[in-house]
N, C-alpha and C. Protein backbone atom coordinates (compact mmCIF):
# COMPACT_ATOMS: atom_id res chain seq x y z
N MET A 1 87.15 84.14 94.67
CA MET A 1 86.68 85.45 95.13
C MET A 1 88.14 86.05 94.93
N LYS A 2 88.31 87.33 94.20
CA LYS A 2 89.62 88.23 95.04
C LYS A 2 89.00 89.69 94.46
N PHE A 3 89.23 90.55 95.61
CA PHE A 3 88.81 91.80 95.89
C PHE A 3 89.87 92.75 95.57
N ARG A 4 89.90 93.59 94.70
CA ARG A 4 91.05 94.76 95.18
C ARG A 4 91.12 95.99 95.05
N GLY A 5 90.96 96.27 95.82
CA GLY A 5 90.50 97.80 96.19
C GLY A 5 91.26 99.39 97.22
N LYS A 6 90.73 100.47 97.54
CA LYS A 6 91.07 101.23 98.57
C LYS A 6 90.23 101.52 99.43
N VAL A 7 90.82 101.38 100.76
CA VAL A 7 90.61 100.89 102.23
C VAL A 7 89.71 102.64 102.34
N TRP A 8 88.70 102.30 102.78
CA TRP A 8 87.87 103.28 103.71
C TRP A 8 87.73 102.73 105.37
N LYS A 9 88.52 103.50 105.95
CA LYS A 9 88.51 102.47 107.58
C LYS A 9 87.49 103.09 108.42
N PHE A 10 86.76 102.33 108.95
CA PHE A 10 85.72 102.69 110.24
C PHE A 10 86.47 102.35 111.52
N GLY A 11 86.20 102.50 112.79
CA GLY A 11 86.35 101.87 113.81
C GLY A 11 85.45 100.86 114.23
N ASP A 12 85.22 101.09 115.85
CA ASP A 12 84.68 99.43 116.06
C ASP A 12 83.39 100.08 116.51
N ASN A 13 82.27 99.52 116.79
CA ASN A 13 80.63 99.33 116.91
C ASN A 13 80.27 100.51 115.81
N ILE A 14 80.56 100.21 114.56
CA ILE A 14 80.01 101.11 113.31
C ILE A 14 78.42 100.03 113.63
N ASP A 15 77.49 101.06 113.90
CA ASP A 15 76.29 100.49 113.83
C ASP A 15 75.68 100.53 112.38
N THR A 16 74.13 99.65 112.23
CA THR A 16 73.17 99.85 111.64
C THR A 16 73.17 101.16 110.88
N ASP A 17 72.66 102.43 112.26
CA ASP A 17 72.03 103.49 111.66
C ASP A 17 73.32 103.86 111.04
N ALA A 18 74.99 103.59 111.36
CA ALA A 18 75.64 104.82 110.77
C ALA A 18 76.08 104.27 109.33
N ILE A 19 75.59 103.07 109.12
CA ILE A 19 75.63 102.92 107.66
C ILE A 19 74.69 103.01 106.69
N ILE A 20 73.23 102.86 107.39
CA ILE A 20 72.31 103.78 106.61
C ILE A 20 71.31 104.25 107.56
N PRO A 21 71.25 105.66 107.71
CA PRO A 21 70.27 105.89 108.94
C PRO A 21 69.00 105.89 108.69
N ALA A 22 68.67 105.18 109.94
CA ALA A 22 67.07 104.87 109.62
C ALA A 22 66.19 106.29 109.04
N ARG A 23 66.31 107.24 109.20
CA ARG A 23 65.79 108.13 108.64
C ARG A 23 65.34 107.71 106.89
N TYR A 24 66.14 106.82 106.11
CA TYR A 24 65.71 106.46 105.26
C TYR A 24 65.28 104.92 105.13
N LEU A 25 65.05 104.41 105.89
CA LEU A 25 64.83 103.17 105.66
C LEU A 25 63.49 103.26 105.01
N ASN A 26 62.51 103.76 104.90
CA ASN A 26 61.60 103.88 103.70
C ASN A 26 61.77 104.11 102.16
N ILE A 27 63.13 103.69 102.18
CA ILE A 27 63.41 103.33 100.60
C ILE A 27 63.95 101.90 100.36
N TRP A 28 63.57 101.45 99.40
CA TRP A 28 63.35 100.48 99.19
C TRP A 28 64.05 99.91 97.91
N ASP A 29 64.28 101.36 96.89
CA ASP A 29 65.46 101.24 96.12
C ASP A 29 67.00 100.72 96.45
N PRO A 30 67.79 100.13 95.86
CA PRO A 30 69.23 99.84 96.17
C PRO A 30 70.00 100.90 96.09
N GLN A 31 69.87 101.97 94.91
CA GLN A 31 70.55 102.79 94.16
C GLN A 31 70.22 104.13 95.46
N GLY A 32 68.52 104.38 95.65
CA GLY A 32 68.50 105.38 96.69
C GLY A 32 68.84 105.07 98.14
N LEU A 33 69.04 103.63 98.30
CA LEU A 33 69.62 103.06 99.49
C LEU A 33 71.54 103.60 99.51
N ALA A 34 72.08 103.48 98.84
CA ALA A 34 73.64 103.27 98.34
C ALA A 34 73.26 104.84 98.25
N ALA A 35 73.23 106.01 97.82
CA ALA A 35 73.37 107.27 97.92
C ALA A 35 73.46 108.39 99.27
N HIS A 36 73.23 107.19 100.39
CA HIS A 36 73.12 107.65 102.09
C HIS A 36 74.23 106.66 102.45
N CYS A 37 74.71 105.69 101.90
CA CYS A 37 75.29 104.45 102.50
C CYS A 37 76.28 105.23 103.57
N MET A 38 76.87 105.11 104.60
CA MET A 38 77.39 105.48 105.73
C MET A 38 77.95 106.63 106.09
N GLU A 39 76.16 107.52 105.80
CA GLU A 39 76.15 108.96 105.97
C GLU A 39 76.47 109.15 107.07
N ASP A 40 76.09 108.65 108.55
CA ASP A 40 76.11 109.50 109.48
C ASP A 40 77.73 109.21 110.26
N ALA A 41 78.35 108.27 109.89
CA ALA A 41 79.56 108.30 110.31
C ALA A 41 80.71 109.07 109.50
N ASP A 42 80.41 109.18 107.98
CA ASP A 42 80.95 110.04 106.83
C ASP A 42 80.17 110.49 105.73
N PRO A 43 80.07 111.95 106.06
CA PRO A 43 78.79 112.24 105.31
C PRO A 43 79.13 112.47 103.74
N ASP A 44 80.61 112.24 103.96
CA ASP A 44 81.23 112.42 102.36
C ASP A 44 81.55 111.05 101.19
N PHE A 45 81.42 109.97 102.69
CA PHE A 45 81.81 108.97 101.63
C PHE A 45 81.09 108.87 100.26
N VAL A 46 79.87 108.85 100.26
CA VAL A 46 79.16 108.36 98.80
C VAL A 46 80.51 109.36 98.08
N LYS A 47 80.52 110.28 97.94
CA LYS A 47 80.96 111.26 96.97
C LYS A 47 82.78 110.67 96.98
N LYS A 48 83.18 109.67 97.40
CA LYS A 48 84.39 109.98 97.50
C LYS A 48 85.22 108.47 97.57
N MET A 49 84.19 107.41 97.87
CA MET A 49 84.33 105.99 97.58
C MET A 49 84.62 105.96 96.11
N LYS A 50 84.71 104.96 95.44
CA LYS A 50 84.60 104.62 94.50
C LYS A 50 84.53 102.93 94.22
N PRO A 51 83.83 102.71 93.36
CA PRO A 51 83.51 101.29 92.99
C PRO A 51 84.39 100.28 92.89
N GLY A 52 84.31 98.97 94.39
CA GLY A 52 85.39 98.23 93.69
C GLY A 52 86.06 98.63 94.93
N ASP A 53 85.91 99.48 95.65
CA ASP A 53 86.93 100.14 97.09
C ASP A 53 86.57 98.90 98.12
N ILE A 54 87.09 98.93 99.29
CA ILE A 54 86.74 98.31 100.43
C ILE A 54 86.60 98.80 101.57
N ILE A 55 85.57 98.87 102.51
CA ILE A 55 85.56 99.14 103.85
C ILE A 55 86.47 98.07 104.89
N VAL A 56 87.00 99.03 105.91
CA VAL A 56 87.75 98.04 106.87
C VAL A 56 87.34 98.71 108.13
N GLY A 57 87.17 97.59 108.68
CA GLY A 57 85.64 97.80 109.82
C GLY A 57 86.99 97.13 111.30
N GLY A 58 86.32 98.26 112.48
CA GLY A 58 86.54 97.22 113.73
C GLY A 58 86.15 96.39 114.17
N GLU A 59 86.40 96.16 115.58
CA GLU A 59 85.11 95.22 116.00
C GLU A 59 83.49 95.96 115.97
N ASN A 60 83.17 94.27 116.48
CA ASN A 60 81.29 94.27 115.75
C ASN A 60 80.96 95.27 114.89
N PHE A 61 81.30 95.00 113.76
CA PHE A 61 80.76 95.86 112.67
C PHE A 61 79.54 95.09 112.02
N GLY A 62 78.24 96.49 111.89
CA GLY A 62 76.70 96.07 111.88
C GLY A 62 76.05 96.23 112.71
N CYS A 63 76.68 96.33 113.84
CA CYS A 63 75.99 96.14 115.09
C CYS A 63 74.25 96.79 115.35
N GLY A 64 73.52 97.00 116.10
CA GLY A 64 72.28 97.63 116.50
C GLY A 64 71.34 96.92 115.67
N SER A 65 70.46 97.81 115.02
CA SER A 65 69.12 96.90 114.52
C SER A 65 69.27 95.98 113.26
N SER A 66 68.81 95.21 113.11
CA SER A 66 68.51 93.58 112.28
C SER A 66 68.04 94.67 111.40
N ARG A 67 68.69 94.93 110.36
CA ARG A 67 67.47 95.69 108.88
C ARG A 67 68.52 95.06 107.70
N GLU A 68 68.00 94.43 106.54
CA GLU A 68 68.89 94.50 105.61
C GLU A 68 69.16 95.12 104.76
N HIS A 69 68.91 96.55 105.20
CA HIS A 69 69.00 97.68 103.87
C HIS A 69 70.66 98.49 104.33
N ALA A 70 71.31 97.92 105.63
CA ALA A 70 72.49 98.25 105.85
C ALA A 70 73.64 97.36 104.29
N PRO A 71 73.52 96.32 104.78
CA PRO A 71 74.39 95.14 103.57
C PRO A 71 73.75 95.89 102.26
N ILE A 72 72.33 95.88 102.12
CA ILE A 72 72.20 96.20 100.55
C ILE A 72 72.40 97.39 100.09
N ALA A 73 72.73 98.89 101.20
CA ALA A 73 73.15 99.83 100.97
C ALA A 73 74.73 99.63 100.75
N ILE A 74 75.43 99.16 101.48
CA ILE A 74 76.81 99.20 101.37
C ILE A 74 76.89 98.17 99.91
N LYS A 75 76.63 97.46 99.44
CA LYS A 75 76.57 96.11 98.07
C LYS A 75 76.33 97.21 96.91
N ALA A 76 75.21 98.23 96.88
CA ALA A 76 74.51 99.08 96.17
C ALA A 76 75.70 100.22 95.84
N ALA A 77 76.29 100.70 96.88
CA ALA A 77 77.22 102.04 96.63
C ALA A 77 78.33 101.35 95.33
N GLY A 78 78.69 100.01 95.91
CA GLY A 78 80.00 99.68 95.12
C GLY A 78 80.96 99.34 95.75
N ILE A 79 81.02 98.83 96.99
CA ILE A 79 81.55 98.41 97.80
C ILE A 79 82.11 97.23 97.52
N ALA A 80 83.19 96.48 97.36
CA ALA A 80 83.70 94.89 96.56
C ALA A 80 83.09 93.93 97.77
N CYS A 81 83.48 94.71 98.91
CA CYS A 81 83.61 93.69 100.34
C CYS A 81 83.67 94.50 101.75
N VAL A 82 83.44 93.95 102.73
CA VAL A 82 84.54 94.67 104.19
C VAL A 82 84.66 93.33 104.83
N VAL A 83 85.58 93.88 105.55
CA VAL A 83 86.62 93.15 106.01
C VAL A 83 86.51 93.97 107.27
N ALA A 84 86.36 93.04 108.35
CA ALA A 84 86.58 93.68 110.17
C ALA A 84 86.83 92.72 110.99
N LYS A 85 87.51 93.50 111.99
CA LYS A 85 87.55 92.43 113.32
C LYS A 85 86.49 91.72 113.20
N SER A 86 85.33 92.31 113.61
CA SER A 86 84.65 91.39 114.17
C SER A 86 83.17 92.09 113.61
N PHE A 87 81.98 90.76 113.33
CA PHE A 87 80.76 91.43 112.75
C PHE A 87 79.97 91.17 113.45
N ALA A 88 78.66 92.03 114.10
CA ALA A 88 77.55 91.63 114.77
C ALA A 88 77.13 90.35 113.94
N ARG A 89 76.64 89.03 114.87
CA ARG A 89 75.83 88.11 114.12
C ARG A 89 74.71 88.41 113.18
N ILE A 90 73.80 89.38 113.29
CA ILE A 90 72.72 89.79 112.56
C ILE A 90 73.17 89.89 111.20
N PHE A 91 74.13 91.06 111.46
CA PHE A 91 74.86 91.62 110.08
C PHE A 91 75.16 90.79 109.58
N TYR A 92 76.21 89.70 109.93
CA TYR A 92 77.04 88.88 109.43
C TYR A 92 76.09 87.93 108.06
N ARG A 93 74.67 87.46 108.81
CA ARG A 93 74.27 86.31 107.81
C ARG A 93 73.61 87.51 106.98
N ASN A 94 72.54 88.56 107.31
CA ASN A 94 71.96 89.14 106.26
C ASN A 94 73.04 89.32 105.32
N SER A 95 74.03 90.03 105.52
CA SER A 95 74.96 90.33 104.48
C SER A 95 75.28 89.08 103.64
N PHE A 96 75.24 87.74 103.43
CA PHE A 96 75.55 86.70 102.83
C PHE A 96 74.11 86.42 102.37
N ASN A 97 73.03 86.48 102.32
CA ASN A 97 71.48 86.35 102.17
C ASN A 97 71.78 87.64 101.28
N MET A 98 72.13 89.08 101.71
CA MET A 98 72.16 89.95 100.50
C MET A 98 72.71 90.06 99.40
N GLY A 99 73.52 88.86 99.96
CA GLY A 99 74.88 89.38 98.52
C GLY A 99 76.72 89.95 98.95
N LEU A 100 76.69 90.60 99.78
CA LEU A 100 77.49 91.57 100.23
C LEU A 100 78.79 90.18 100.54
N PRO A 101 80.01 90.47 99.79
CA PRO A 101 80.88 89.41 100.61
C PRO A 101 81.59 90.22 101.79
N ILE A 102 81.76 89.96 103.05
CA ILE A 102 82.17 89.81 104.43
C ILE A 102 83.13 89.12 104.79
N PHE A 103 84.20 89.49 105.41
CA PHE A 103 85.77 88.74 105.97
C PHE A 103 85.99 88.55 107.13
N GLU A 104 86.38 88.36 107.88
CA GLU A 104 86.76 88.85 109.94
C GLU A 104 88.25 88.49 109.76
N SER A 105 89.15 89.53 109.45
CA SER A 105 90.51 89.64 110.14
C SER A 105 90.85 90.42 110.96
N PRO A 106 90.93 90.10 112.35
CA PRO A 106 91.27 90.54 113.82
C PRO A 106 93.15 91.62 113.18
N ASP A 107 93.66 91.46 112.56
CA ASP A 107 94.87 92.08 112.37
C ASP A 107 94.82 93.14 111.41
N LEU A 108 94.00 92.81 110.42
CA LEU A 108 94.09 93.92 109.40
C LEU A 108 94.00 95.47 109.45
N TRP A 109 93.02 95.48 110.47
CA TRP A 109 92.94 97.36 110.96
C TRP A 109 93.49 97.84 111.58
N GLY A 110 94.70 97.27 112.04
CA GLY A 110 95.87 97.76 112.76
C GLY A 110 96.40 98.24 111.54
N LYS A 111 96.87 97.46 110.27
CA LYS A 111 97.70 97.43 110.00
C LYS A 111 97.74 98.41 108.51
N VAL A 112 96.89 98.97 108.33
CA VAL A 112 96.26 99.90 106.92
C VAL A 112 95.54 101.00 107.66
N LYS A 113 95.96 102.09 106.47
CA LYS A 113 95.38 103.51 106.68
C LYS A 113 94.44 103.35 105.76
N GLU A 114 93.60 104.71 105.56
CA GLU A 114 92.52 105.18 104.78
C GLU A 114 93.72 105.05 103.65
N GLY A 115 92.84 104.51 102.40
CA GLY A 115 93.73 105.31 101.11
C GLY A 115 94.11 104.09 100.59
N ASP A 116 95.07 103.12 101.93
CA ASP A 116 96.04 102.19 101.38
C ASP A 116 95.10 101.23 100.35
N GLU A 117 95.59 100.14 99.30
CA GLU A 117 95.17 99.19 98.60
C GLU A 117 95.88 98.11 99.10
N ILE A 118 94.16 97.65 98.93
CA ILE A 118 94.86 95.77 99.51
C ILE A 118 93.69 94.71 98.48
N GLU A 119 94.05 93.65 98.27
CA GLU A 119 93.78 92.51 97.56
C GLU A 119 93.04 91.59 98.81
N VAL A 120 92.26 90.87 98.88
CA VAL A 120 91.50 90.01 99.70
C VAL A 120 90.87 88.81 98.31
N ASP A 121 91.94 87.49 98.79
CA ASP A 121 91.74 86.48 98.49
C ASP A 121 90.81 85.46 99.01
N ALA A 122 89.80 85.16 98.69
CA ALA A 122 88.70 84.13 99.88
C ALA A 122 89.20 82.89 99.32
N ASP A 123 89.95 82.38 98.03
CA ASP A 123 90.35 81.29 98.04
C ASP A 123 91.21 80.64 98.94
N ALA A 124 92.52 81.45 98.82
CA ALA A 124 93.28 81.81 99.31
C ALA A 124 93.38 81.98 100.95
N GLY A 125 92.89 82.48 100.92
CA GLY A 125 92.18 82.77 102.32
C GLY A 125 93.18 84.42 103.02
N GLN A 126 93.90 85.10 102.14
CA GLN A 126 94.62 86.26 102.72
C GLN A 126 94.27 87.29 102.21
N ILE A 127 95.14 88.63 103.11
CA ILE A 127 94.71 89.56 102.36
C ILE A 127 96.24 90.20 102.31
N ARG A 128 96.49 90.76 101.19
CA ARG A 128 97.69 91.44 100.65
C ARG A 128 97.42 93.08 100.72
N LEU A 129 98.54 93.41 101.30
CA LEU A 129 98.92 95.00 101.01
C LEU A 129 99.44 94.90 100.08
N ILE A 130 99.19 95.97 99.04
CA ILE A 130 99.82 96.50 98.14
C ILE A 130 100.62 97.31 98.47
N GLY A 131 102.26 97.54 97.59
CA GLY A 131 103.10 98.11 97.88
C GLY A 131 103.62 97.81 99.37
N SER A 132 103.51 96.50 99.60
CA SER A 132 104.56 96.45 100.85
C SER A 132 104.89 94.71 100.48
N ALA A 133 105.83 94.34 100.14
CA ALA A 133 106.25 93.09 99.77
C ALA A 133 105.91 91.78 100.55
N ALA A 134 106.35 91.89 101.86
CA ALA A 134 105.89 90.70 102.57
C ALA A 134 104.40 90.72 103.19
N ALA A 135 103.87 91.51 103.19
CA ALA A 135 102.73 92.53 104.30
C ALA A 135 101.22 91.04 104.00
N ARG A 136 100.95 89.94 104.02
CA ARG A 136 100.20 89.00 103.76
C ARG A 136 99.38 88.78 105.15
N LEU A 137 98.57 88.94 105.06
CA LEU A 137 97.82 88.17 106.56
C LEU A 137 96.57 87.77 105.91
N SER A 138 96.39 86.38 107.24
CA SER A 138 95.08 85.44 107.42
C SER A 138 93.90 86.13 107.28
N ILE A 139 92.62 85.24 106.29
CA ILE A 139 91.46 85.83 106.85
C ILE A 139 90.52 84.26 107.37
N GLN A 140 89.50 84.82 107.98
CA GLN A 140 88.50 83.44 108.36
C GLN A 140 88.37 82.81 106.90
N PRO A 141 88.21 81.78 106.91
CA PRO A 141 87.53 81.19 105.24
C PRO A 141 86.45 81.49 105.67
N VAL A 142 85.28 81.50 104.42
CA VAL A 142 83.91 81.50 104.34
C VAL A 142 83.57 80.26 104.12
N PRO A 143 82.13 79.98 105.08
CA PRO A 143 82.04 78.61 104.66
C PRO A 143 81.41 78.08 102.76
N PRO A 144 81.59 77.36 102.31
CA PRO A 144 80.43 76.67 101.02
C PRO A 144 79.62 77.78 100.77
N PHE A 145 78.81 77.35 101.44
CA PHE A 145 77.48 77.39 101.53
C PHE A 145 77.49 79.22 101.25
N MET A 146 78.23 79.69 102.30
CA MET A 146 77.96 80.68 102.23
C MET A 146 78.77 81.67 101.15
N GLN A 147 79.88 80.92 100.53
CA GLN A 147 80.43 81.29 98.90
C GLN A 147 79.51 81.12 97.92
N GLU A 148 78.49 80.74 97.78
CA GLU A 148 77.68 80.07 97.26
C GLU A 148 76.49 81.08 97.26
N LEU A 149 76.25 81.68 98.36
CA LEU A 149 75.07 82.99 98.44
C LEU A 149 75.77 83.37 97.24
N ILE A 150 76.93 84.64 97.49
CA ILE A 150 77.81 85.29 97.52
C ILE A 150 77.70 85.10 95.82
N ALA A 151 78.18 83.95 95.28
CA ALA A 151 78.36 83.84 93.87
C ALA A 151 77.41 84.04 92.93
N ASP A 152 76.24 83.69 94.00
CA ASP A 152 74.61 84.04 93.67
C ASP A 152 73.96 85.13 93.76
N GLY A 153 74.59 86.31 94.14
CA GLY A 153 74.07 87.16 94.30
C GLY A 153 72.81 87.14 95.59
N GLY A 154 73.56 86.59 96.52
CA GLY A 154 72.32 86.42 98.08
C GLY A 154 71.39 84.73 97.68
N LEU A 155 70.86 85.14 98.83
CA LEU A 155 70.13 84.22 99.10
C LEU A 155 68.80 83.80 98.20
N MET A 156 67.97 85.03 97.93
CA MET A 156 66.97 84.63 96.64
C MET A 156 67.20 84.39 95.76
N ASN A 157 68.37 84.77 95.16
CA ASN A 157 68.83 84.73 93.96
C ASN A 157 69.53 83.23 93.94
N HIS A 158 69.91 83.01 95.17
CA HIS A 158 70.31 81.66 95.23
C HIS A 158 68.87 80.07 95.14
N ILE A 159 67.80 81.05 95.77
CA ILE A 159 67.07 80.02 96.16
C ILE A 159 65.95 79.86 94.71
N THR A 160 66.08 80.79 93.84
CA THR A 160 65.75 81.07 92.72
C THR A 160 66.38 79.99 91.37
N LYS A 161 67.32 80.36 91.38
CA LYS A 161 68.60 78.92 90.63
C LYS A 161 67.93 77.80 91.05
N GLY A 162 68.34 77.22 92.32
CA GLY A 162 67.68 76.13 92.58
C GLY A 162 66.79 75.56 91.78
N ARG A 163 65.84 76.30 91.82
CA ARG A 163 64.34 76.10 91.18
C ARG A 163 64.09 75.72 89.90
N LYS A 164 65.13 76.39 89.00
CA LYS A 164 65.05 76.47 87.33
C LYS A 164 66.07 75.28 87.32
N LYS A 165 66.70 74.77 88.01
CA LYS A 165 67.23 73.46 87.73
C LYS A 165 66.23 72.38 87.50
């Protein structure tokens, strides 16, 4: 898996209410959720970002309430993947269950600014900062089963695929 896109940078402790505000939790259509992605952290985020862009977060990204809406909103908005210093554990698992690729890198946040372009190569286990000849950072490897979940588009698609065999 490779992802290349523009960086949208968010700080530490971005909670699920910042990712998808609670006032929109009655929406189940992924595109409806996408329209409000990151609205409380950056009201113009959806207007500014482009499909294939990458969110870079600080520590404890996705903390707060356990809700699948958060990774669904990010994925449906067209974000290719999220790279953060660390993730809240429930957000980490919900992201894989919903098919949103996420990666941990303790060093990336301090080395990029919003608008930079990066390439995340999950297979090689590294991030390349585009335009910087020597800038390559390691990312935590994604376990093979979790890679399967992402490739299949999430847990439900993975289970359905297994039943069709």
